[in-house]
All heavy atoms as atom14 arrays in JSON, in Angstrom:
{
  "sequence": "RPVLLDFWAPWCGPCRMVGPIVDEIAQERADIKVGKVNVDEQPELARQ",
  "atom14_mask": [
    [1, 1, 1, 1, 1, 1, 1, 1, 1, 1, 1, 0, 0, 0],
    [1, 1, 1, 1, 1, 1, 1, 0, 0, 0, 0, 0, 0, 0],
    [1, 1, 1, 1, 1, 1, 1, 0, 0, 0, 0, 0, 0, 0],
    [1, 1, 1, 1, 1, 1, 1, 1, 0, 0, 0, 0, 0, 0],
    [1, 1, 1, 1, 1, 1, 1, 1, 0, 0, 0, 0, 0, 0],
    [1, 1, 1, 1, 1, 1, 1, 1, 0, 0, 0, 0, 0, 0],
    [1, 1, 1, 1, 1, 1, 1, 1, 1, 1, 1, 0, 0, 0],
    [1, 1, 1, 1, 1, 1, 1, 1, 1, 1, 1, 1, 1, 1],
    [1, 1, 1, 1, 1, 0, 0, 0, 0, 0, 0, 0, 0, 0],
    [1, 1, 1, 1, 1, 1, 1, 0, 0, 0, 0, 0, 0, 0],
    [1, 1, 1, 1, 1, 1, 1, 1, 1, 1, 1, 1, 1, 1],
    [1, 1, 1, 1, 1, 1, 0, 0, 0, 0, 0, 0, 0, 0],
    [1, 1, 1, 1, 0, 0, 0, 0, 0, 0, 0, 0, 0, 0],
    [1, 1, 1, 1, 1, 1, 1, 0, 0, 0, 0, 0, 0, 0],
    [1, 1, 1, 1, 1, 1, 0, 0, 0, 0, 0, 0, 0, 0],
    [1, 1, 1, 1, 1, 1, 1, 1, 1, 1, 1, 0, 0, 0],
    [1, 1, 1, 1, 1, 1, 1, 1, 0, 0, 0, 0, 0, 0],
    [1, 1, 1, 1, 1, 1, 1, 0, 0, 0, 0, 0, 0, 0],
    [1, 1, 1, 1, 0, 0, 0, 0, 0, 0, 0, 0, 0, 0],
    [1, 1, 1, 1, 1, 1, 1, 0, 0, 0, 0, 0, 0, 0],
    [1, 1, 1, 1, 1, 1, 1, 1, 0, 0, 0, 0, 0, 0],
    [1, 1, 1, 1, 1, 1, 1, 0, 0, 0, 0, 0, 0, 0],
    [1, 1, 1, 1, 1, 1, 1, 1, 0, 0, 0, 0, 0, 0],
    [1, 1, 1, 1, 1, 1, 1, 1, 1, 0, 0, 0, 0, 0],
    [1, 1, 1, 1, 1, 1, 1, 1, 0, 0, 0, 0, 0, 0],
    [1, 1, 1, 1, 1, 0, 0, 0, 0, 0, 0, 0, 0, 0],
    [1, 1, 1, 1, 1, 1, 1, 1, 1, 0, 0, 0, 0, 0],
    [1, 1, 1, 1, 1, 1, 1, 1, 1, 0, 0, 0, 0, 0],
    [1, 1, 1, 1, 1, 1, 1, 1, 1, 1, 1, 0, 0, 0],
    [1, 1, 1, 1, 1, 0, 0, 0, 0, 0, 0, 0, 0, 0],
    [1, 1, 1, 1, 1, 1, 1, 1, 0, 0, 0, 0, 0, 0],
    [1, 1, 1, 1, 1, 1, 1, 1, 0, 0, 0, 0, 0, 0],
    [1, 1, 1, 1, 1, 1, 1, 1, 1, 0, 0, 0, 0, 0],
    [1, 1, 1, 1, 1, 1, 1, 0, 0, 0, 0, 0, 0, 0],
    [1, 1, 1, 1, 0, 0, 0, 0, 0, 0, 0, 0, 0, 0],
    [1, 1, 1, 1, 1, 1, 1, 1, 1, 0, 0, 0, 0, 0],
    [1, 1, 1, 1, 1, 1, 1, 0, 0, 0, 0, 0, 0, 0],
    [1, 1, 1, 1, 1, 1, 1, 1, 0, 0, 0, 0, 0, 0],
    [1, 1, 1, 1, 1, 1, 1, 0, 0, 0, 0, 0, 0, 0],
    [1, 1, 1, 1, 1, 1, 1, 1, 0, 0, 0, 0, 0, 0],
    [1, 1, 1, 1, 1, 1, 1, 1, 1, 0, 0, 0, 0, 0],
    [1, 1, 1, 1, 1, 1, 1, 1, 1, 0, 0, 0, 0, 0],
    [1, 1, 1, 1, 1, 1, 1, 0, 0, 0, 0, 0, 0, 0],
    [1, 1, 1, 1, 1, 1, 1, 1, 1, 0, 0, 0, 0, 0],
    [1, 1, 1, 1, 1, 1, 1, 1, 0, 0, 0, 0, 0, 0],
    [1, 1, 1, 1, 1, 0, 0, 0, 0, 0, 0, 0, 0, 0],
    [1, 1, 1, 1, 1, 1, 1, 1, 1, 1, 1, 0, 0, 0],
    [1, 1, 1, 1, 1, 1, 1, 1, 1, 0, 0, 0, 0, 0]
  ],
  "atom14_positions": [
    [[12.24, -9.72, 4.88], [12.12, -9.57, 3.43], [11.96, -8.08, 3.1], [11.5, -7.31, 3.95], [10.87, -10.29, 2.92], [10.88, -11.78, 3.18], [9.55, -12.4, 2.8], [8.58, -12.12, 3.87], [7.27, -12.28, 3.75], [6.76, -12.7, 2.63], [6.48, -12.02, 4.76], [0.0, 0.0, 0.0], [0.0, 0.0, 0.0], [0.0, 0.0, 0.0]],
    [[12.28, -7.69, 1.88], [11.97, -6.32, 1.47], [10.45, -6.08, 1.58], [9.66, -7.01, 1.4], [12.42, -6.25, 0.02], [13.39, -7.38, -0.13], [12.95, -8.45, 0.82], [0.0, 0.0, 0.0], [0.0, 0.0, 0.0], [0.0, 0.0, 0.0], [0.0, 0.0, 0.0], [0.0, 0.0, 0.0], [0.0, 0.0, 0.0], [0.0, 0.0, 0.0]],
    [[10.07, -4.84, 1.88], [8.66, -4.5, 2.05], [8.27, -3.44, 1.02], [8.91, -2.39, 0.94], [8.38, -3.97, 3.47], [6.9, -3.65, 3.64], [8.83, -4.97, 4.52], [0.0, 0.0, 0.0], [0.0, 0.0, 0.0], [0.0, 0.0, 0.0], [0.0, 0.0, 0.0], [0.0, 0.0, 0.0], [0.0, 0.0, 0.0], [0.0, 0.0, 0.0]],
    [[7.22, -3.73, 0.26], [6.62, -2.74, -0.63], [5.5, -2.07, 0.15], [4.54, -2.73, 0.53], [6.07, -3.41, -1.9], [5.27, -2.51, -2.84], [6.15, -1.4, -3.42], [4.64, -3.34, -3.95], [0.0, 0.0, 0.0], [0.0, 0.0, 0.0], [0.0, 0.0, 0.0], [0.0, 0.0, 0.0], [0.0, 0.0, 0.0], [0.0, 0.0, 0.0]],
    [[5.66, -0.78, 0.42], [4.63, -0.02, 1.16], [3.82, 0.82, 0.19], [4.38, 1.53, -0.65], [5.28, 0.91, 2.18], [5.82, 0.3, 3.45], [6.47, 1.39, 4.3], [4.73, -0.4, 4.23], [0.0, 0.0, 0.0], [0.0, 0.0, 0.0], [0.0, 0.0, 0.0], [0.0, 0.0, 0.0], [0.0, 0.0, 0.0], [0.0, 0.0, 0.0]],
    [[2.51, 0.73, 0.32], [1.58, 1.52, -0.48], [0.91, 2.51, 0.46], [0.11, 2.13, 1.31], [0.55, 0.58, -1.12], [-0.54, 1.32, -1.89], [-0.36, 2.51, -2.21], [-1.57, 0.68, -2.19], [0.0, 0.0, 0.0], [0.0, 0.0, 0.0], [0.0, 0.0, 0.0], [0.0, 0.0, 0.0], [0.0, 0.0, 0.0], [0.0, 0.0, 0.0]],
    [[1.27, 3.8, 0.34], [0.61, 4.86, 1.1], [-0.58, 5.32, 0.26], [-0.41, 5.78, -0.86], [1.57, 6.03, 1.34], [2.66, 5.73, 2.33], [3.81, 5.09, 1.93], [2.52, 6.07, 3.66], [4.83, 4.8, 2.84], [3.51, 5.8, 4.58], [4.67, 5.16, 4.18], [0.0, 0.0, 0.0], [0.0, 0.0, 0.0], [0.0, 0.0, 0.0]],
    [[-1.79, 5.2, 0.83], [-3.01, 5.42, 0.06], [-4.11, 6.01, 0.94], [-3.94, 6.14, 2.16], [-3.5, 4.09, -0.53], [-4.0, 3.16, 0.54], [-3.26, 2.45, 1.45], [-5.37, 2.9, 0.86], [-4.08, 1.75, 2.3], [-5.37, 2.0, 1.96], [-6.56, 3.32, 0.33], [-6.56, 1.55, 2.54], [-7.74, 2.85, 0.9], [-7.72, 1.96, 1.99]],
    [[-5.24, 6.34, 0.33], [-6.45, 6.77, 1.04], [-7.65, 6.31, 0.22], [-7.58, 6.25, -1.01], [-6.48, 8.28, 1.22], [0.0, 0.0, 0.0], [0.0, 0.0, 0.0], [0.0, 0.0, 0.0], [0.0, 0.0, 0.0], [0.0, 0.0, 0.0], [0.0, 0.0, 0.0], [0.0, 0.0, 0.0], [0.0, 0.0, 0.0], [0.0, 0.0, 0.0]],
    [[-8.77, 6.0, 0.89], [-9.94, 5.47, 0.19], [-10.56, 6.47, -0.8], [-11.18, 6.06, -1.78], [-10.92, 5.11, 1.3], [-10.31, 5.49, 2.59], [-8.92, 5.99, 2.35], [0.0, 0.0, 0.0], [0.0, 0.0, 0.0], [0.0, 0.0, 0.0], [0.0, 0.0, 0.0], [0.0, 0.0, 0.0], [0.0, 0.0, 0.0], [0.0, 0.0, 0.0]],
    [[-10.41, 7.75, -0.58], [-11.0, 8.77, -1.44], [-10.15, 9.09, -2.67], [-10.57, 9.84, -3.55], [-11.24, 10.06, -0.66], [-10.05, 10.49, 0.14], [-9.81, 10.23, 1.46], [-8.9, 11.21, -0.33], [-8.59, 10.75, 1.84], [-8.02, 11.36, 0.76], [-8.54, 11.75, -1.56], [-6.79, 12.02, 0.64], [-7.31, 12.4, -1.67], [-6.46, 12.54, -0.57]],
    [[-8.97, 8.51, -2.75], [-7.98, 8.83, -3.8], [-8.19, 7.94, -5.03], [-8.01, 6.73, -4.96], [-6.58, 8.65, -3.21], [-5.25, 8.59, -4.4], [0.0, 0.0, 0.0], [0.0, 0.0, 0.0], [0.0, 0.0, 0.0], [0.0, 0.0, 0.0], [0.0, 0.0, 0.0], [0.0, 0.0, 0.0], [0.0, 0.0, 0.0], [0.0, 0.0, 0.0]],
    [[-8.61, 8.56, -6.15], [-8.85, 7.81, -7.38], [-7.65, 7.02, -7.87], [-7.75, 5.82, -8.13], [0.0, 0.0, 0.0], [0.0, 0.0, 0.0], [0.0, 0.0, 0.0], [0.0, 0.0, 0.0], [0.0, 0.0, 0.0], [0.0, 0.0, 0.0], [0.0, 0.0, 0.0], [0.0, 0.0, 0.0], [0.0, 0.0, 0.0], [0.0, 0.0, 0.0]],
    [[-6.47, 7.66, -8.01], [-5.29, 6.91, -8.44], [-4.93, 5.77, -7.47], [-4.43, 4.73, -7.9], [-4.19, 7.97, -8.51], [-4.93, 9.26, -8.74], [-6.22, 9.1, -7.97], [0.0, 0.0, 0.0], [0.0, 0.0, 0.0], [0.0, 0.0, 0.0], [0.0, 0.0, 0.0], [0.0, 0.0, 0.0], [0.0, 0.0, 0.0], [0.0, 0.0, 0.0]],
    [[-5.19, 5.97, -6.18], [-4.92, 4.91, -5.19], [-5.8, 3.7, -5.46], [-5.35, 2.55, -5.33], [-5.18, 5.4, -3.77], [-4.15, 6.79, -3.25], [0.0, 0.0, 0.0], [0.0, 0.0, 0.0], [0.0, 0.0, 0.0], [0.0, 0.0, 0.0], [0.0, 0.0, 0.0], [0.0, 0.0, 0.0], [0.0, 0.0, 0.0], [0.0, 0.0, 0.0]],
    [[-7.05, 3.95, -5.86], [-7.96, 2.84, -6.16], [-7.53, 2.1, -7.42], [-7.84, 0.92, -7.58], [-9.4, 3.36, -6.28], [-9.98, 3.78, -4.94], [-11.49, 3.94, -4.99], [-11.94, 4.9, -5.98], [-12.18, 6.19, -5.75], [-11.98, 6.68, -4.55], [-12.59, 6.97, -6.72], [0.0, 0.0, 0.0], [0.0, 0.0, 0.0], [0.0, 0.0, 0.0]],
    [[-6.78, 2.77, -8.31], [-6.25, 2.1, -9.5], [-5.05, 1.24, -9.13], [-4.89, 0.14, -9.64], [-5.84, 3.14, -10.55], [-7.0, 3.88, -11.16], [-6.52, 5.33, -12.15], [-5.13, 4.76, -13.07], [0.0, 0.0, 0.0], [0.0, 0.0, 0.0], [0.0, 0.0, 0.0], [0.0, 0.0, 0.0], [0.0, 0.0, 0.0], [0.0, 0.0, 0.0]],
    [[-4.2, 1.73, -8.24], [-2.97, 1.03, -7.86], [-3.25, -0.11, -6.88], [-2.58, -1.14, -6.91], [-1.95, 2.03, -7.26], [-0.77, 1.32, -6.61], [-1.46, 2.99, -8.34], [0.0, 0.0, 0.0], [0.0, 0.0, 0.0], [0.0, 0.0, 0.0], [0.0, 0.0, 0.0], [0.0, 0.0, 0.0], [0.0, 0.0, 0.0], [0.0, 0.0, 0.0]],
    [[-4.25, 0.05, -6.03], [-4.55, -0.93, -4.98], [-4.64, -2.37, -5.46], [-3.98, -3.26, -4.91], [0.0, 0.0, 0.0], [0.0, 0.0, 0.0], [0.0, 0.0, 0.0], [0.0, 0.0, 0.0], [0.0, 0.0, 0.0], [0.0, 0.0, 0.0], [0.0, 0.0, 0.0], [0.0, 0.0, 0.0], [0.0, 0.0, 0.0], [0.0, 0.0, 0.0]],
    [[-5.46, -2.65, -6.49], [-5.55, -4.04, -6.98], [-4.23, -4.58, -7.52], [-3.94, -5.76, -7.39], [-6.61, -3.96, -8.08], [-7.39, -2.73, -7.79], [-6.43, -1.77, -7.14], [0.0, 0.0, 0.0], [0.0, 0.0, 0.0], [0.0, 0.0, 0.0], [0.0, 0.0, 0.0], [0.0, 0.0, 0.0], [0.0, 0.0, 0.0], [0.0, 0.0, 0.0]],
    [[-3.42, -3.71, -8.11], [-2.11, -4.14, -8.62], [-1.21, -4.54, -7.45], [-0.54, -5.58, -7.49], [-1.46, -3.02, -9.46], [-2.31, -2.7, -10.68], [-0.03, -3.41, -9.85], [-1.89, -1.43, -11.42], [0.0, 0.0, 0.0], [0.0, 0.0, 0.0], [0.0, 0.0, 0.0], [0.0, 0.0, 0.0], [0.0, 0.0, 0.0], [0.0, 0.0, 0.0]],
    [[-1.23, -3.72, -6.4], [-0.42, -4.01, -5.21], [-0.88, -5.32, -4.58], [-0.06, -6.15, -4.17], [-0.49, -2.83, -4.22], [0.14, -3.18, -2.88], [0.2, -1.6, -4.81], [0.0, 0.0, 0.0], [0.0, 0.0, 0.0], [0.0, 0.0, 0.0], [0.0, 0.0, 0.0], [0.0, 0.0, 0.0], [0.0, 0.0, 0.0], [0.0, 0.0, 0.0]],
    [[-2.2, -5.53, -4.52], [-2.74, -6.79, -3.98], [-2.29, -7.98, -4.82], [-1.97, -9.05, -4.29], [-4.26, -6.75, -3.9], [-4.77, -5.79, -2.84], [-4.03, -5.5, -1.88], [-5.92, -5.32, -2.97], [0.0, 0.0, 0.0], [0.0, 0.0, 0.0], [0.0, 0.0, 0.0], [0.0, 0.0, 0.0], [0.0, 0.0, 0.0], [0.0, 0.0, 0.0]],
    [[-2.28, -7.8, -6.13], [-1.86, -8.87, -7.04], [-0.38, -9.22, -6.8], [-0.01, -10.4, -6.75], [-2.06, -8.37, -8.48], [-2.02, -9.42, -9.54], [-2.36, -8.82, -10.89], [-3.52, -8.38, -11.08], [-1.45, -8.77, -11.74], [0.0, 0.0, 0.0], [0.0, 0.0, 0.0], [0.0, 0.0, 0.0], [0.0, 0.0, 0.0], [0.0, 0.0, 0.0]],
    [[0.45, -8.2, -6.63], [1.87, -8.43, -6.36], [2.04, -9.19, -5.04], [2.86, -10.09, -4.93], [2.65, -7.09, -6.35], [2.67, -6.49, -7.76], [4.07, -7.28, -5.81], [3.17, -5.05, -7.84], [0.0, 0.0, 0.0], [0.0, 0.0, 0.0], [0.0, 0.0, 0.0], [0.0, 0.0, 0.0], [0.0, 0.0, 0.0], [0.0, 0.0, 0.0]],
    [[1.22, -8.83, -4.04], [1.29, -9.52, -2.74], [1.0, -11.01, -2.91], [1.62, -11.85, -2.25], [0.3, -8.9, -1.76], [0.0, 0.0, 0.0], [0.0, 0.0, 0.0], [0.0, 0.0, 0.0], [0.0, 0.0, 0.0], [0.0, 0.0, 0.0], [0.0, 0.0, 0.0], [0.0, 0.0, 0.0], [0.0, 0.0, 0.0], [0.0, 0.0, 0.0]],
    [[0.06, -11.35, -3.79], [-0.29, -12.75, -4.02], [0.79, -13.49, -4.79], [1.03, -14.67, -4.56], [-1.61, -12.84, -4.81], [-2.82, -12.35, -4.05], [-3.18, -13.23, -2.88], [-3.06, -14.45, -2.94], [-3.6, -12.62, -1.79], [0.0, 0.0, 0.0], [0.0, 0.0, 0.0], [0.0, 0.0, 0.0], [0.0, 0.0, 0.0], [0.0, 0.0, 0.0]],
    [[1.46, -12.79, -5.7], [2.42, -13.43, -6.6], [3.84, -13.56, -6.03], [4.57, -14.47, -6.41], [2.53, -12.63, -7.91], [1.27, -12.65, -8.73], [1.33, -11.7, -9.92], [2.34, -10.98, -10.09], [0.36, -11.7, -10.69], [0.0, 0.0, 0.0], [0.0, 0.0, 0.0], [0.0, 0.0, 0.0], [0.0, 0.0, 0.0], [0.0, 0.0, 0.0]],
    [[4.23, -12.65, -5.15], [5.63, -12.58, -4.74], [5.79, -12.93, -3.26], [5.64, -12.07, -2.39], [6.18, -11.16, -4.97], [6.24, -10.71, -6.42], [7.4, -11.3, -7.18], [8.68, -11.02, -6.57], [9.48, -10.02, -6.89], [9.14, -9.17, -7.83], [10.64, -9.88, -6.27], [0.0, 0.0, 0.0], [0.0, 0.0, 0.0], [0.0, 0.0, 0.0]],
    [[6.14, -14.17, -2.99], [6.37, -14.61, -1.6], [7.7, -14.1, -1.06], [7.92, -14.13, 0.15], [6.32, -16.13, -1.53], [0.0, 0.0, 0.0], [0.0, 0.0, 0.0], [0.0, 0.0, 0.0], [0.0, 0.0, 0.0], [0.0, 0.0, 0.0], [0.0, 0.0, 0.0], [0.0, 0.0, 0.0], [0.0, 0.0, 0.0], [0.0, 0.0, 0.0]],
    [[8.56, -13.61, -1.95], [9.88, -13.14, -1.52], [9.86, -11.72, -0.96], [10.88, -11.23, -0.47], [10.89, -13.22, -2.68], [10.47, -12.37, -3.88], [9.26, -12.31, -4.19], [11.37, -11.76, -4.5], [0.0, 0.0, 0.0], [0.0, 0.0, 0.0], [0.0, 0.0, 0.0], [0.0, 0.0, 0.0], [0.0, 0.0, 0.0], [0.0, 0.0, 0.0]],
    [[8.71, -11.04, -1.06], [8.59, -9.7, -0.49], [7.34, -9.65, 0.39], [6.45, -10.5, 0.28], [8.49, -8.61, -1.58], [7.21, -8.8, -2.42], [9.74, -8.54, -2.42], [6.87, -7.62, -3.29], [0.0, 0.0, 0.0], [0.0, 0.0, 0.0], [0.0, 0.0, 0.0], [0.0, 0.0, 0.0], [0.0, 0.0, 0.0], [0.0, 0.0, 0.0]],
    [[7.29, -8.64, 1.24], [6.1, -8.37, 2.03], [5.47, -7.12, 1.45], [6.17, -6.2, 1.03], [6.48, -8.13, 3.49], [5.28, -7.94, 4.41], [5.71, -7.66, 5.82], [6.29, -8.89, 6.47], [6.56, -8.71, 7.9], [0.0, 0.0, 0.0], [0.0, 0.0, 0.0], [0.0, 0.0, 0.0], [0.0, 0.0, 0.0], [0.0, 0.0, 0.0]],
    [[4.16, -7.09, 1.39], [3.44, -5.92, 0.89], [2.62, -5.35, 2.03], [1.87, -6.08, 2.69], [2.55, -6.29, -0.32], [1.74, -5.09, -0.77], [3.4, -6.82, -1.47], [0.0, 0.0, 0.0], [0.0, 0.0, 0.0], [0.0, 0.0, 0.0], [0.0, 0.0, 0.0], [0.0, 0.0, 0.0], [0.0, 0.0, 0.0], [0.0, 0.0, 0.0]],
    [[2.77, -4.06, 2.26], [2.03, -3.38, 3.32], [1.29, -2.19, 2.77], [1.74, -1.53, 1.84], [0.0, 0.0, 0.0], [0.0, 0.0, 0.0], [0.0, 0.0, 0.0], [0.0, 0.0, 0.0], [0.0, 0.0, 0.0], [0.0, 0.0, 0.0], [0.0, 0.0, 0.0], [0.0, 0.0, 0.0], [0.0, 0.0, 0.0], [0.0, 0.0, 0.0]],
    [[0.13, -1.92, 3.36], [-0.67, -0.76, 2.96], [-0.83, 0.17, 4.16], [-1.16, -0.29, 5.26], [-2.05, -1.22, 2.47], [-1.98, -1.99, 1.17], [-3.37, -2.25, 0.65], [-3.29, -2.7, -0.79], [-4.56, -2.55, -1.46], [0.0, 0.0, 0.0], [0.0, 0.0, 0.0], [0.0, 0.0, 0.0], [0.0, 0.0, 0.0], [0.0, 0.0, 0.0]],
    [[-0.57, 1.44, 3.92], [-0.69, 2.46, 4.96], [-1.78, 3.45, 4.54], [-1.59, 4.2, 3.57], [0.65, 3.22, 5.16], [0.5, 4.26, 6.26], [1.79, 2.25, 5.47], [0.0, 0.0, 0.0], [0.0, 0.0, 0.0], [0.0, 0.0, 0.0], [0.0, 0.0, 0.0], [0.0, 0.0, 0.0], [0.0, 0.0, 0.0], [0.0, 0.0, 0.0]],
    [[-2.9, 3.43, 5.25], [-3.98, 4.38, 5.0], [-3.55, 5.7, 5.65], [-3.49, 5.81, 6.87], [-5.28, 3.87, 5.6], [-6.45, 4.79, 5.35], [-6.31, 6.01, 5.27], [-7.63, 4.2, 5.24], [0.0, 0.0, 0.0], [0.0, 0.0, 0.0], [0.0, 0.0, 0.0], [0.0, 0.0, 0.0], [0.0, 0.0, 0.0], [0.0, 0.0, 0.0]],
    [[-3.24, 6.71, 4.83], [-2.69, 7.97, 5.36], [-3.69, 8.73, 6.21], [-3.3, 9.53, 7.06], [-2.12, 8.87, 4.24], [-0.95, 8.19, 3.55], [-3.17, 9.28, 3.24], [0.0, 0.0, 0.0], [0.0, 0.0, 0.0], [0.0, 0.0, 0.0], [0.0, 0.0, 0.0], [0.0, 0.0, 0.0], [0.0, 0.0, 0.0], [0.0, 0.0, 0.0]],
    [[-4.99, 8.51, 5.99], [-6.0, 9.17, 6.83], [-5.99, 8.6, 8.24], [-6.19, 9.32, 9.21], [-7.4, 9.0, 6.23], [-7.62, 9.84, 4.99], [-6.83, 10.79, 4.76], [-8.56, 9.55, 4.24], [0.0, 0.0, 0.0], [0.0, 0.0, 0.0], [0.0, 0.0, 0.0], [0.0, 0.0, 0.0], [0.0, 0.0, 0.0], [0.0, 0.0, 0.0]],
    [[-5.75, 7.3, 8.36], [-5.73, 6.63, 9.66], [-4.35, 6.66, 10.31], [-4.24, 6.5, 11.53], [-6.19, 5.17, 9.51], [-7.63, 5.05, 9.05], [-8.02, 3.61, 8.76], [-7.16, 2.7, 8.83], [-9.21, 3.39, 8.44], [0.0, 0.0, 0.0], [0.0, 0.0, 0.0], [0.0, 0.0, 0.0], [0.0, 0.0, 0.0], [0.0, 0.0, 0.0]],
    [[-3.3, 6.84, 9.52], [-1.92, 6.8, 10.02], [-1.14, 8.05, 9.59], [-0.11, 7.95, 8.92], [-1.21, 5.53, 9.52], [-1.9, 4.24, 9.88], [-2.01, 4.05, 11.39], [-1.1, 4.36, 12.14], [-3.16, 3.56, 11.82], [0.0, 0.0, 0.0], [0.0, 0.0, 0.0], [0.0, 0.0, 0.0], [0.0, 0.0, 0.0], [0.0, 0.0, 0.0]],
    [[-1.59, 9.24, 9.99], [-0.9, 10.46, 9.55], [0.54, 10.54, 10.06], [1.4, 11.13, 9.41], [-1.76, 11.59, 10.09], [-2.53, 11.0, 11.23], [-2.74, 9.54, 10.85], [0.0, 0.0, 0.0], [0.0, 0.0, 0.0], [0.0, 0.0, 0.0], [0.0, 0.0, 0.0], [0.0, 0.0, 0.0], [0.0, 0.0, 0.0], [0.0, 0.0, 0.0]],
    [[0.82, 9.92, 11.22], [2.19, 9.96, 11.77], [3.16, 9.23, 10.84], [4.27, 9.69, 10.61], [2.25, 9.31, 13.16], [1.32, 9.93, 14.18], [-0.07, 9.29, 14.2], [-0.36, 8.37, 13.39], [-0.89, 9.73, 15.02], [0.0, 0.0, 0.0], [0.0, 0.0, 0.0], [0.0, 0.0, 0.0], [0.0, 0.0, 0.0], [0.0, 0.0, 0.0]],
    [[2.74, 8.08, 10.3], [3.61, 7.33, 9.38], [3.8, 8.1, 8.08], [4.89, 8.13, 7.52], [3.05, 5.94, 9.11], [3.14, 4.94, 10.26], [2.48, 3.62, 9.88], [4.57, 4.72, 10.68], [0.0, 0.0, 0.0], [0.0, 0.0, 0.0], [0.0, 0.0, 0.0], [0.0, 0.0, 0.0], [0.0, 0.0, 0.0], [0.0, 0.0, 0.0]],
    [[2.73, 8.73, 7.6], [2.85, 9.53, 6.37], [3.84, 10.67, 6.59], [4.69, 10.94, 5.74], [1.48, 10.06, 5.95], [0.0, 0.0, 0.0], [0.0, 0.0, 0.0], [0.0, 0.0, 0.0], [0.0, 0.0, 0.0], [0.0, 0.0, 0.0], [0.0, 0.0, 0.0], [0.0, 0.0, 0.0], [0.0, 0.0, 0.0], [0.0, 0.0, 0.0]],
    [[3.76, 11.33, 7.74], [4.69, 12.42, 8.06], [6.12, 11.9, 8.2], [7.06, 12.53, 7.73], [4.27, 13.1, 9.36], [3.65, 14.46, 9.16], [3.48, 15.24, 10.44], [2.91, 14.52, 11.57], [1.62, 14.28, 11.75], [0.75, 14.69, 10.86], [1.19, 13.62, 12.8], [0.0, 0.0, 0.0], [0.0, 0.0, 0.0], [0.0, 0.0, 0.0]],
    [[6.27, 10.77, 8.87], [7.59, 10.18, 9.09], [8.32, 9.96, 7.77], [9.54, 10.11, 7.7], [7.45, 8.87, 9.86], [8.75, 8.16, 10.16], [8.51, 6.86, 10.92], [7.5, 6.67, 11.57], [9.47, 5.96, 10.84], [0.0, 0.0, 0.0], [0.0, 0.0, 0.0], [0.0, 0.0, 0.0], [0.0, 0.0, 0.0], [0.0, 0.0, 0.0]]
  ]
}
């Protein structure tokens, strides 16, 4: 399925605003996969 990726960090204010929306989309849309990438924990993926 298509994947919606959210690159975020816990200290990021705008990320905390988007996070619940992304979670809501994950609950509502079975036709897509939603993934979250914490850029502090996964700097290689953020760079990639």
